[in-house]
C-alpha atoms as a PDB file:
ATOM      1  CA  MET A   1     -10.515 -75.191  49.205  1.00  0.00           C
ATOM      2  CA  PRO A   2      -8.110 -76.245  51.892  1.00  0.00           C
ATOM      3  CA  GLU A   3      -4.897 -74.422  51.622  1.00  0.00           C
ATOM      4  CA  LYS A   4      -1.796 -75.941  50.533  1.00  0.00           C
ATOM      5  CA  GLN A   5       0.845 -76.756  53.467  1.00  0.00           C
ATOM      6  CA  TYR A   6       3.784 -74.878  53.325  1.00  0.00           C
ATOM      7  CA  ILE A   7       7.092 -76.564  53.688  1.00  0.00           C
ATOM      8  CA  ALA A   8       9.950 -74.457  54.356  1.00  0.00           C
ATOM      9  CA  PRO A   9      12.793 -74.732  51.799  1.00  0.00           C
ATOM     10  CA  TRP A  10      15.303 -75.980  54.405  1.00  0.00           C
ATOM     11  CA  ARG A  11      12.807 -78.933  55.348  1.00  0.00           C
ATOM     12  CA  ARG A  12      12.685 -79.854  51.932  1.00  0.00           C
ATOM     13  CA  GLY A  13      16.521 -79.814  51.372  1.00  0.00           C
ATOM     14  CA  MET A  14      16.978 -81.812  54.714  1.00  0.00           C
ATOM     15  CA  THR A  15      14.594 -84.703  53.265  1.00  0.00           C
ATOM     16  CA  SER A  16      16.512 -84.647  49.767  1.00  0.00           C
ATOM     17  CA  PHE A  17      19.694 -84.904  51.609  1.00  0.00           C
ATOM     18  CA  LEU A  18      18.701 -87.779  53.865  1.00  0.00           C
ATOM     19  CA  THR A  19      17.014 -89.360  51.129  1.00  0.00           C
ATOM     20  CA  PHE A  20      20.315 -89.222  49.142  1.00  0.00           C
ATOM     21  CA  ILE A  21      22.350 -90.541  52.304  1.00  0.00           C
ATOM     22  CA  VAL A  22      19.866 -93.494  52.489  1.00  0.00           C
ATOM     23  CA  LEU A  23      20.391 -94.415  48.816  1.00  0.00           C
ATOM     24  CA  VAL A  24      24.164 -94.131  48.850  1.00  0.00           C
ATOM     25  CA  TYR A  25      24.085 -96.301  52.007  1.00  0.00           C
ATOM     26  CA  ALA A  26      21.954 -98.819  50.320  1.00  0.00           C
ATOM     27  CA  GLY A  27      24.243 -98.707  47.306  1.00  0.00           C
ATOM     28  CA  VAL A  28      27.333 -99.304  49.407  1.00  0.00           C
ATOM     29  CA  CYS A  29      25.679-102.236  50.845  1.00  0.00           C
ATOM     30  CA  ILE A  30      24.679-103.770  47.765  1.00  0.00           C
ATOM     31  CA  SER A  31      27.933-103.450  46.076  1.00  0.00           C
ATOM     32  CA  LEU A  32      29.607-104.882  49.265  1.00  0.00           C
ATOM     33  CA  TYR A  33      27.251-108.083  48.740  1.00  0.00           C
ATOM     34  CA  VAL A  34      27.526-108.269  45.198  1.00  0.00           C
ATOM     35  CA  PHE A  35      31.391-108.060  44.961  1.00  0.00           C
ATOM     36  CA  GLN A  36      32.399-109.241  48.260  1.00  0.00           C
ATOM     37  CA  ARG A  37      34.592-112.211  47.208  1.00  0.00           C
ATOM     38  CA  SER A  38      36.578-109.724  44.722  1.00  0.00           C
ATOM     39  CA  LEU A  39      37.631-108.491  47.906  1.00  0.00           C
ATOM     40  CA  ILE A  40      38.349-111.534  49.543  1.00  0.00           C
ATOM     41  CA  TYR A  41      39.930-113.628  46.904  1.00  0.00           C
ATOM     42  CA  PHE A  42      42.686-112.463  44.522  1.00  0.00           C
ATOM     43  CA  PRO A  43      43.639-115.636  42.075  1.00  0.00           C
ATOM     44  CA  GLN A  44      47.054-116.009  40.849  1.00  0.00           C
ATOM     45  CA  PRO A  45      47.918-117.473  37.718  1.00  0.00           C
ATOM     46  CA  GLU A  46      49.442-120.794  37.197  1.00  0.00           C
ATOM     47  CA  VAL A  47      53.276-120.837  36.768  1.00  0.00           C
ATOM     48  CA  SER A  48      55.152-121.421  33.763  1.00  0.00           C
ATOM     49  CA  VAL A  49      57.670-123.583  34.975  1.00  0.00           C
ATOM     50  CA  ARG A  50      56.942-126.322  37.734  1.00  0.00           C
ATOM     51  CA  PRO A  51      59.462-126.407  40.445  1.00  0.00           C
ATOM     52  CA  ALA A  52      61.862-129.185  40.436  1.00  0.00           C
ATOM     53  CA  GLY A  53      61.172-132.462  42.085  1.00  0.00           C
ATOM     54  CA  THR A  54      57.357-131.672  42.040  1.00  0.00           C
ATOM     55  CA  ASN A  55      54.542-132.972  40.309  1.00  0.00           C
ATOM     56  CA  LEU A  56      51.095-132.334  39.908  1.00  0.00           C
ATOM     57  CA  MET A  57      47.794-133.944  41.303  1.00  0.00           C
ATOM     58  CA  ILE A  58      44.693-133.287  39.972  1.00  0.00           C
ATOM     59  CA  LEU A  59      41.817-133.561  42.407  1.00  0.00           C
ATOM     60  CA  PRO A  60      38.521-134.270  40.865  1.00  0.00           C
ATOM     61  CA  ALA A  61      36.297-131.985  43.013  1.00  0.00           C
ATOM     62  CA  ARG A  62      32.678-131.364  42.539  1.00  0.00           C
ATOM     63  CA  GLY A  63      32.488-129.070  39.507  1.00  0.00           C
ATOM     64  CA  ALA A  64      36.100-128.434  39.254  1.00  0.00           C
ATOM     65  CA  ASP A  65      39.340-130.039  38.818  1.00  0.00           C
ATOM     66  CA  ILE A  66      41.701-128.520  41.515  1.00  0.00           C
ATOM     67  CA  HIS A  67      45.416-128.766  40.935  1.00  0.00           C
ATOM     68  CA  VAL A  68      47.674-129.559  43.835  1.00  0.00           C
ATOM     69  CA  THR A  69      51.498-129.356  43.798  1.00  0.00           C
ATOM     70  CA  VAL A  70      53.074-132.244  45.508  1.00  0.00           C
ATOM     71  CA  ARG A  71      56.802-132.641  46.587  1.00  0.00           C
ATOM     72  CA  PRO A  72      56.755-136.477  46.790  1.00  0.00           C
ATOM     73  CA  ARG A  73      58.588-138.185  49.895  1.00  0.00           C
ATOM     74  CA  ASP A  74      58.479-141.821  50.998  1.00  0.00           C
ATOM     75  CA  GLY A  75      57.656-142.575  54.568  1.00  0.00           C
ATOM     76  CA  ARG A  76      54.432-141.896  56.979  1.00  0.00           C
ATOM     77  CA  LYS A  77      54.599-138.164  56.825  1.00  0.00           C
ATOM     78  CA  ALA A  78      52.974-135.584  54.982  1.00  0.00           C
ATOM     79  CA  LEU A  79      52.150-131.807  54.982  1.00  0.00           C
ATOM     80  CA  ILE A  80      49.156-130.126  53.419  1.00  0.00           C
ATOM     81  CA  TYR A  81      49.498-126.478  53.163  1.00  0.00           C
ATOM     82  CA  PHE A  82      46.580-123.768  52.355  1.00  0.00           C
ATOM     83  CA  GLY A  83      48.098-120.398  50.983  1.00  0.00           C
ATOM     84  CA  GLY A  84      46.917-116.644  51.688  1.00  0.00           C
ATOM     85  CA  ASN A  85      44.330-114.768  49.481  1.00  0.00           C
ATOM     86  CA  ALA A  86      46.954-113.457  46.640  1.00  0.00           C
ATOM     87  CA  GLU A  87      49.777-116.313  47.175  1.00  0.00           C
ATOM     88  CA  ASN A  88      50.939-118.548  44.612  1.00  0.00           C
ATOM     89  CA  VAL A  89      51.587-121.438  46.673  1.00  0.00           C
ATOM     90  CA  VAL A  90      54.560-122.877  44.826  1.00  0.00           C
ATOM     91  CA  TYR A  91      56.589-119.945  45.912  1.00  0.00           C
ATOM     92  CA  SER A  92      56.366-120.962  49.635  1.00  0.00           C
ATOM     93  CA  LEU A  93      57.884-124.570  48.586  1.00  0.00           C
ATOM     94  CA  PRO A  94      61.588-123.608  49.389  1.00  0.00           C
ATOM     95  CA  ASP A  95      60.583-122.561  52.869  1.00  0.00           C
ATOM     96  CA  LEU A  96      58.356-125.577  53.750  1.00  0.00           C
ATOM     97  CA  ALA A  97      60.854-127.912  52.169  1.00  0.00           C
ATOM     98  CA  ALA A  98      63.574-126.923  54.349  1.00  0.00           C
ATOM     99  CA  SER A  99      61.293-126.920  57.489  1.00  0.00           C
ATOM    100  CA  PHE A 100      59.738-130.201  56.577  1.00  0.00           C
ATOM    101  CA  PRO A 101      62.429-132.455  54.916  1.00  0.00           C
ATOM    102  CA  ARG A 102      60.821-135.456  55.799  1.00  0.00           C
ATOM    103  CA  HIS A 103      57.305-134.951  54.803  1.00  0.00           C
ATOM    104  CA  ALA A 104      55.563-135.372  51.429  1.00  0.00           C
ATOM    105  CA  ILE A 105      54.265-131.686  50.651  1.00  0.00           C
ATOM    106  CA  HIS A 106      50.950-131.044  49.066  1.00  0.00           C
ATOM    107  CA  LEU A 107      50.392-127.452  47.976  1.00  0.00           C
ATOM    108  CA  MET A 108      46.864-126.771  47.334  1.00  0.00           C
ATOM    109  CA  HIS A 109      45.786-124.068  44.417  1.00  0.00           C
ATOM    110  CA  TYR A 110      42.340-122.826  45.381  1.00  0.00           C
ATOM    111  CA  ARG A 111      39.790-122.723  42.624  1.00  0.00           C
ATOM    112  CA  GLY A 112      40.489-120.174  40.191  1.00  0.00           C
ATOM    113  CA  TYR A 113      44.078-120.451  41.396  1.00  0.00           C
ATOM    114  CA  GLY A 114      47.159-121.888  39.876  1.00  0.00           C
ATOM    115  CA  GLY A 115      45.252-123.371  36.988  1.00  0.00           C
ATOM    116  CA  SER A 116      42.534-125.023  39.471  1.00  0.00           C
ATOM    117  CA  GLU A 117      39.034-124.681  37.730  1.00  0.00           C
ATOM    118  CA  GLY A 118      36.064-123.006  39.279  1.00  0.00           C
ATOM    119  CA  LYS A 119      35.386-119.993  41.231  1.00  0.00           C
ATOM    120  CA  PRO A 120      36.504-119.749  45.183  1.00  0.00           C
ATOM    121  CA  SER A 121      34.210-119.591  47.921  1.00  0.00           C
ATOM    122  CA  GLU A 122      34.180-120.770  51.496  1.00  0.00           C
ATOM    123  CA  ALA A 123      31.841-123.976  51.181  1.00  0.00           C
ATOM    124  CA  ALA A 124      33.832-124.825  47.973  1.00  0.00           C
ATOM    125  CA  LEU A 125      37.261-124.330  49.430  1.00  0.00           C
ATOM    126  CA  PHE A 126      36.149-126.391  52.679  1.00  0.00           C
ATOM    127  CA  ALA A 127      34.825-129.152  50.696  1.00  0.00           C
ATOM    128  CA  ASP A 128      38.274-129.488  48.633  1.00  0.00           C
ATOM    129  CA  ALA A 129      40.376-129.554  51.749  1.00  0.00           C
ATOM    130  CA  LEU A 130      38.453-132.388  53.148  1.00  0.00           C
ATOM    131  CA  MET A 131      38.795-134.181  49.877  1.00  0.00           C
ATOM    132  CA  LEU A 132      42.696-133.584  49.701  1.00  0.00           C
ATOM    133  CA  PHE A 133      43.239-134.730  53.128  1.00  0.00           C
ATOM    134  CA  ASP A 134      41.165-138.037  52.606  1.00  0.00           C
ATOM    135  CA  GLU A 135      43.382-138.662  49.549  1.00  0.00           C
ATOM    136  CA  VAL A 136      46.667-137.680  51.519  1.00  0.00           C
ATOM    137  CA  HIS A 137      45.655-139.575  54.628  1.00  0.00           C
ATOM    138  CA  ALA A 138      44.935-142.862  52.979  1.00  0.00           C
ATOM    139  CA  LYS A 139      48.690-142.707  51.900  1.00  0.00           C
ATOM    140  CA  TYR A 140      50.247-141.062  54.981  1.00  0.00           C
ATOM    141  CA  GLU A 141      49.654-141.875  58.711  1.00  0.00           C
ATOM    142  CA  HIS A 142      50.761-138.383  60.028  1.00  0.00           C
ATOM    143  CA  VAL A 143      49.398-135.303  58.137  1.00  0.00           C
ATOM    144  CA  VAL A 144      50.592-131.934  59.210  1.00  0.00           C
ATOM    145  CA  VAL A 145      48.198-128.938  58.240  1.00  0.00           C
ATOM    146  CA  MET A 146      49.418-125.622  57.878  1.00  0.00           C
ATOM    147  CA  GLY A 147      47.461-122.512  56.683  1.00  0.00           C
ATOM    148  CA  ARG A 148      48.539-118.859  56.348  1.00  0.00           C
ATOM    149  CA  SER A 149      46.291-116.097  56.367  1.00  0.00           C
ATOM    150  CA  LEU A 150      43.305-116.752  54.392  1.00  0.00           C
ATOM    151  CA  GLY A 151      44.488-120.630  54.512  1.00  0.00           C
ATOM    152  CA  SER A 152      44.537-120.367  58.302  1.00  0.00           C
ATOM    153  CA  GLY A 153      40.546-120.323  58.007  1.00  0.00           C
ATOM    154  CA  VAL A 154      40.719-123.471  55.878  1.00  0.00           C
ATOM    155  CA  ALA A 155      43.222-125.184  57.691  1.00  0.00           C
ATOM    156  CA  THR A 156      41.314-124.557  61.177  1.00  0.00           C
ATOM    157  CA  TYR A 157      38.211-126.039  59.630  1.00  0.00           C
ATOM    158  CA  LEU A 158      39.777-129.082  58.185  1.00  0.00           C
ATOM    159  CA  ALA A 159      41.558-129.817  61.769  1.00  0.00           C
ATOM    160  CA  SER A 160      38.116-129.576  63.390  1.00  0.00           C
ATOM    161  CA  GLN A 161      36.642-132.282  60.927  1.00  0.00           C
ATOM    162  CA  ARG A 162      39.639-134.685  60.174  1.00  0.00           C
ATOM    163  CA  PRO A 163      42.427-136.419  62.223  1.00  0.00           C
ATOM    164  CA  VAL A 164      45.320-134.151  61.543  1.00  0.00           C
ATOM    165  CA  SER A 165      48.346-134.903  63.527  1.00  0.00           C
ATOM    166  CA  ARG A 166      49.356-131.182  64.121  1.00  0.00           C
ATOM    167  CA  LEU A 167      48.029-127.751  63.116  1.00  0.00           C
ATOM    168  CA  VAL A 168      50.230-124.568  61.978  1.00  0.00           C
ATOM    169  CA  LEU A 169      48.512-121.181  61.756  1.00  0.00           C
ATOM    170  CA  VAL A 170      50.332-118.491  60.194  1.00  0.00           C
ATOM    171  CA  THR A 171      48.933-114.965  60.458  1.00  0.00           C
ATOM    172  CA  PRO A 172      45.507-116.447  61.551  1.00  0.00           C
ATOM    173  CA  PHE A 173      42.289-114.654  62.543  1.00  0.00           C
ATOM    174  CA  ASP A 174      39.302-115.472  64.474  1.00  0.00           C
ATOM    175  CA  SER A 175      37.037-114.679  61.656  1.00  0.00           C
ATOM    176  CA  ILE A 176      36.739-112.519  58.568  1.00  0.00           C
ATOM    177  CA  MET A 177      33.647-111.361  59.474  1.00  0.00           C
ATOM    178  CA  ALA A 178      35.125-109.780  62.928  1.00  0.00           C
ATOM    179  CA  ILE A 179      37.681-108.375  60.669  1.00  0.00           C
ATOM    180  CA  ALA A 180      35.599-106.720  58.242  1.00  0.00           C
ATOM    181  CA  GLN A 181      33.242-105.388  60.852  1.00  0.00           C
ATOM    182  CA  GLN A 182      36.350-103.684  62.446  1.00  0.00           C
ATOM    183  CA  GLN A 183      37.021-102.215  59.009  1.00  0.00           C
ATOM    184  CA  PHE A 184      33.540-100.968  58.180  1.00  0.00           C
ATOM    185  CA  PRO A 185      32.040-100.649  61.606  1.00  0.00           C
ATOM    186  CA  TRP A 186      28.867 -98.451  59.873  1.00  0.00           C
ATOM    187  CA  LEU A 187      28.055-101.665  57.662  1.00  0.00           C
ATOM    188  CA  PRO A 188      25.912-104.662  58.812  1.00  0.00           C
ATOM    189  CA  VAL A 189      28.775-106.949  57.706  1.00  0.00           C
ATOM    190  CA  ARG A 190      27.112-109.935  59.531  1.00  0.00           C
ATOM    191  CA  TRP A 191      24.154-109.695  57.269  1.00  0.00           C
ATOM    192  CA  LEU A 192      26.034-108.994  53.998  1.00  0.00           C
ATOM    193  CA  LEU A 193      28.864-111.319  54.393  1.00  0.00           C
ATOM    194  CA  GLN A 194      28.696-114.694  52.676  1.00  0.00           C
ATOM    195  CA  ASP A 195      32.355-116.335  53.166  1.00  0.00           C
ATOM    196  CA  LYS A 196      32.826-115.505  56.913  1.00  0.00           C
ATOM    197  CA  TYR A 197      35.590-118.039  57.830  1.00  0.00           C
ATOM    198  CA  GLU A 198      34.574-118.296  61.475  1.00  0.00           C
ATOM    199  CA  SER A 199      37.465-120.170  62.831  1.00  0.00           C
ATOM    200  CA  SER A 200      36.868-119.356  66.487  1.00  0.00           C
ATOM    201  CA  ALA A 201      33.590-121.640  65.815  1.00  0.00           C
ATOM    202  CA  TYR A 202      35.657-124.582  64.950  1.00  0.00           C
ATOM    203  CA  ALA A 203      38.781-124.124  67.313  1.00  0.00           C
ATOM    204  CA  PRO A 204      36.877-125.746  70.512  1.00  0.00           C
ATOM    205  CA  LYS A 205      36.796-128.951  68.374  1.00  0.00           C
ATOM    206  CA  ILE A 206      40.436-129.380  67.696  1.00  0.00           C
ATOM    207  CA  ALA A 207      42.568-131.609  70.221  1.00  0.00           C
ATOM    208  CA  VAL A 208      45.981-131.827  68.489  1.00  0.00           C
ATOM    209  CA  PRO A 209      48.952-129.650  68.937  1.00  0.00           C
ATOM    210  CA  THR A 210      48.607-126.166  67.298  1.00  0.00           C
ATOM    211  CA  LEU A 211      50.824-123.404  66.851  1.00  0.00           C
ATOM    212  CA  LEU A 212      49.790-120.070  66.011  1.00  0.00           C
ATOM    213  CA  ILE A 213      52.427-117.853  64.274  1.00  0.00           C
ATOM    214  CA  THR A 214      51.925-114.068  63.846  1.00  0.00           C
ATOM    215  CA  ALA A 215      53.769-111.060  62.888  1.00  0.00           C
ATOM    216  CA  GLU A 216      54.418-108.222  65.475  1.00  0.00           C
ATOM    217  CA  HIS A 217      53.618-105.541  63.291  1.00  0.00           C
ATOM    218  CA  ASP A 218      50.852-107.242  61.094  1.00  0.00           C
ATOM    219  CA  GLU A 219      48.820-104.321  59.210  1.00  0.00           C
ATOM    220  CA  ILE A 220      46.268-106.929  57.817  1.00  0.00           C
ATOM    221  CA  ILE A 221      45.218-108.851  60.354  1.00  0.00           C
ATOM    222  CA  PRO A 222      45.338-107.278  63.752  1.00  0.00           C
ATOM    223  CA  LEU A 223      47.186-109.146  66.768  1.00  0.00           C
ATOM    224  CA  SER A 224      43.916-108.905  68.778  1.00  0.00           C
ATOM    225  CA  ASN A 225      42.127-110.903  66.326  1.00  0.00           C
ATOM    226  CA  THR A 226      44.897-113.696  66.732  1.00  0.00           C
ATOM    227  CA  LYS A 227      44.981-113.408  70.247  1.00  0.00           C
ATOM    228  CA  THR A 228      40.950-113.705  70.190  1.00  0.00           C
ATOM    229  CA  LEU A 229      41.484-116.851  68.173  1.00  0.00           C
ATOM    230  CA  LEU A 230      43.728-118.501  70.646  1.00  0.00           C
ATOM    231  CA  GLU A 231      41.281-118.136  73.741  1.00  0.00           C
ATOM    232  CA  PHE A 232      38.767-120.414  71.783  1.00  0.00           C
ATOM    233  CA  PHE A 233      41.153-123.420  71.766  1.00  0.00           C
ATOM    234  CA  ARG A 234      40.961-125.958  74.680  1.00  0.00           C
ATOM    235  CA  PRO A 235      43.541-125.224  77.480  1.00  0.00           C
ATOM    236  CA  GLY A 236      46.735-126.519  76.407  1.00  0.00           C
ATOM    237  CA  VAL A 237      45.915-127.400  72.783  1.00  0.00           C
ATOM    238  CA  ALA A 238      47.503-124.004  71.035  1.00  0.00           C
ATOM    239  CA  GLU A 239      50.365-121.724  71.665  1.00  0.00           C
ATOM    240  CA  LEU A 240      51.040-118.386  70.266  1.00  0.00           C
ATOM    241  CA  SER A 241      54.367-117.062  69.266  1.00  0.00           C
ATOM    242  CA  ILE A 242      54.836-113.648  67.783  1.00  0.00           C
ATOM    243  CA  VAL A 243      57.789-113.032  65.178  1.00  0.00           C
ATOM    244  CA  ALA A 244      59.344-109.586  66.343  1.00  0.00           C
ATOM    245  CA  GLY A 245      59.834-106.914  63.617  1.00  0.00           C
ATOM    246  CA  THR A 246      57.948-108.492  60.805  1.00  0.00           C
ATOM    247  CA  GLY A 247      54.766-107.696  58.824  1.00  0.00           C
ATOM    248  CA  HIS A 248      52.256-109.456  57.279  1.00  0.00           C
ATOM    249  CA  ASN A 249      53.886-110.364  54.117  1.00  0.00           C
ATOM    250  CA  THR A 250      57.528-110.371  55.573  1.00  0.00           C
ATOM    251  CA  ILE A 251      57.081-112.798  58.265  1.00  0.00           C
ATOM    252  CA  SER A 252      58.436-115.906  56.375  1.00  0.00           C
ATOM    253  CA  GLU A 253      61.834-113.837  55.783  1.00  0.00           C
ATOM    254  CA  SER A 254      62.452-114.128  59.463  1.00  0.00           C
ATOM    255  CA  PRO A 255      64.797-116.886  60.625  1.00  0.00           C
ATOM    256  CA  GLU A 256      62.541-117.335  63.388  1.00  0.00           C
ATOM    257  CA  TYR A 257      59.883-118.204  61.184  1.00  0.00           C
ATOM    258  CA  GLY A 258      61.600-121.185  59.879  1.00  0.00           C
ATOM    259  CA  ARG A 259      62.965-122.264  63.496  1.00  0.00           C
ATOM    260  CA  LEU A 260      59.264-122.084  64.725  1.00  0.00           C
ATOM    261  CA  LEU A 261      58.032-124.461  61.736  1.00  0.00           C
ATOM    262  CA  ARG A 262      60.399-126.838  62.491  1.00  0.00           C
ATOM    263  CA  SER A 263      59.818-126.997  66.161  1.00  0.00           C
ATOM    264  CA  GLY A 264      57.686-129.800  67.602  1.00  0.00           C
ATOM    265  CA  GLN A 265      58.139-132.173  64.851  1.00  0.00           C
END
């Protein structure tokens, strides 16, 4: 009878430990893949009292009715605004109204946000943005598109596909995938992430005047990612302004922020 091969206890322990590490790593990857959208999107409830001077547009998008808060204005100019991942866009209306007094303002509530139906995803938000632009552009000749944080990804895509008159990006990124890879360098983010928002891929297609506004001390989107995005625009198309002494969520409190929004109108 052949003798049983002897395996040292320390080798058995090492094998068990490596197996445990592999299982934990696989579990983290699976969890990230399954729950990733809960890390990107933070839906906000519908406000109980609609801001004075606004009305509600219902956009019959594919599979969901999308709510758009509208501050109407006569004339040829309009603004479409896409907010951040945890932003209730109606609270941005006072700043936007002060900076764009002659524009009709359209604030999109993403799917699952502010009374809109459905669940958010990159493909759905991109499609909804195109539909909203087409609706607005049919009435207004000049349409400024503005996006903040997550909304900068939506706005950049839209500007690469439609004839916007001007693009304003607040605390923008080159791609969510790049930021996620920086935060989780030990994970295969490229293969796991479904909603990548690769603004750097759409920026070269944009030819209209573009303003990137970022916070000096942005703790969510590193300044390096915003500067990387800037490099993908054609020469002379985009410019970057850094608002001193502000963070990701406080940038709009600076008087410089309002001045920058009003510039170029």
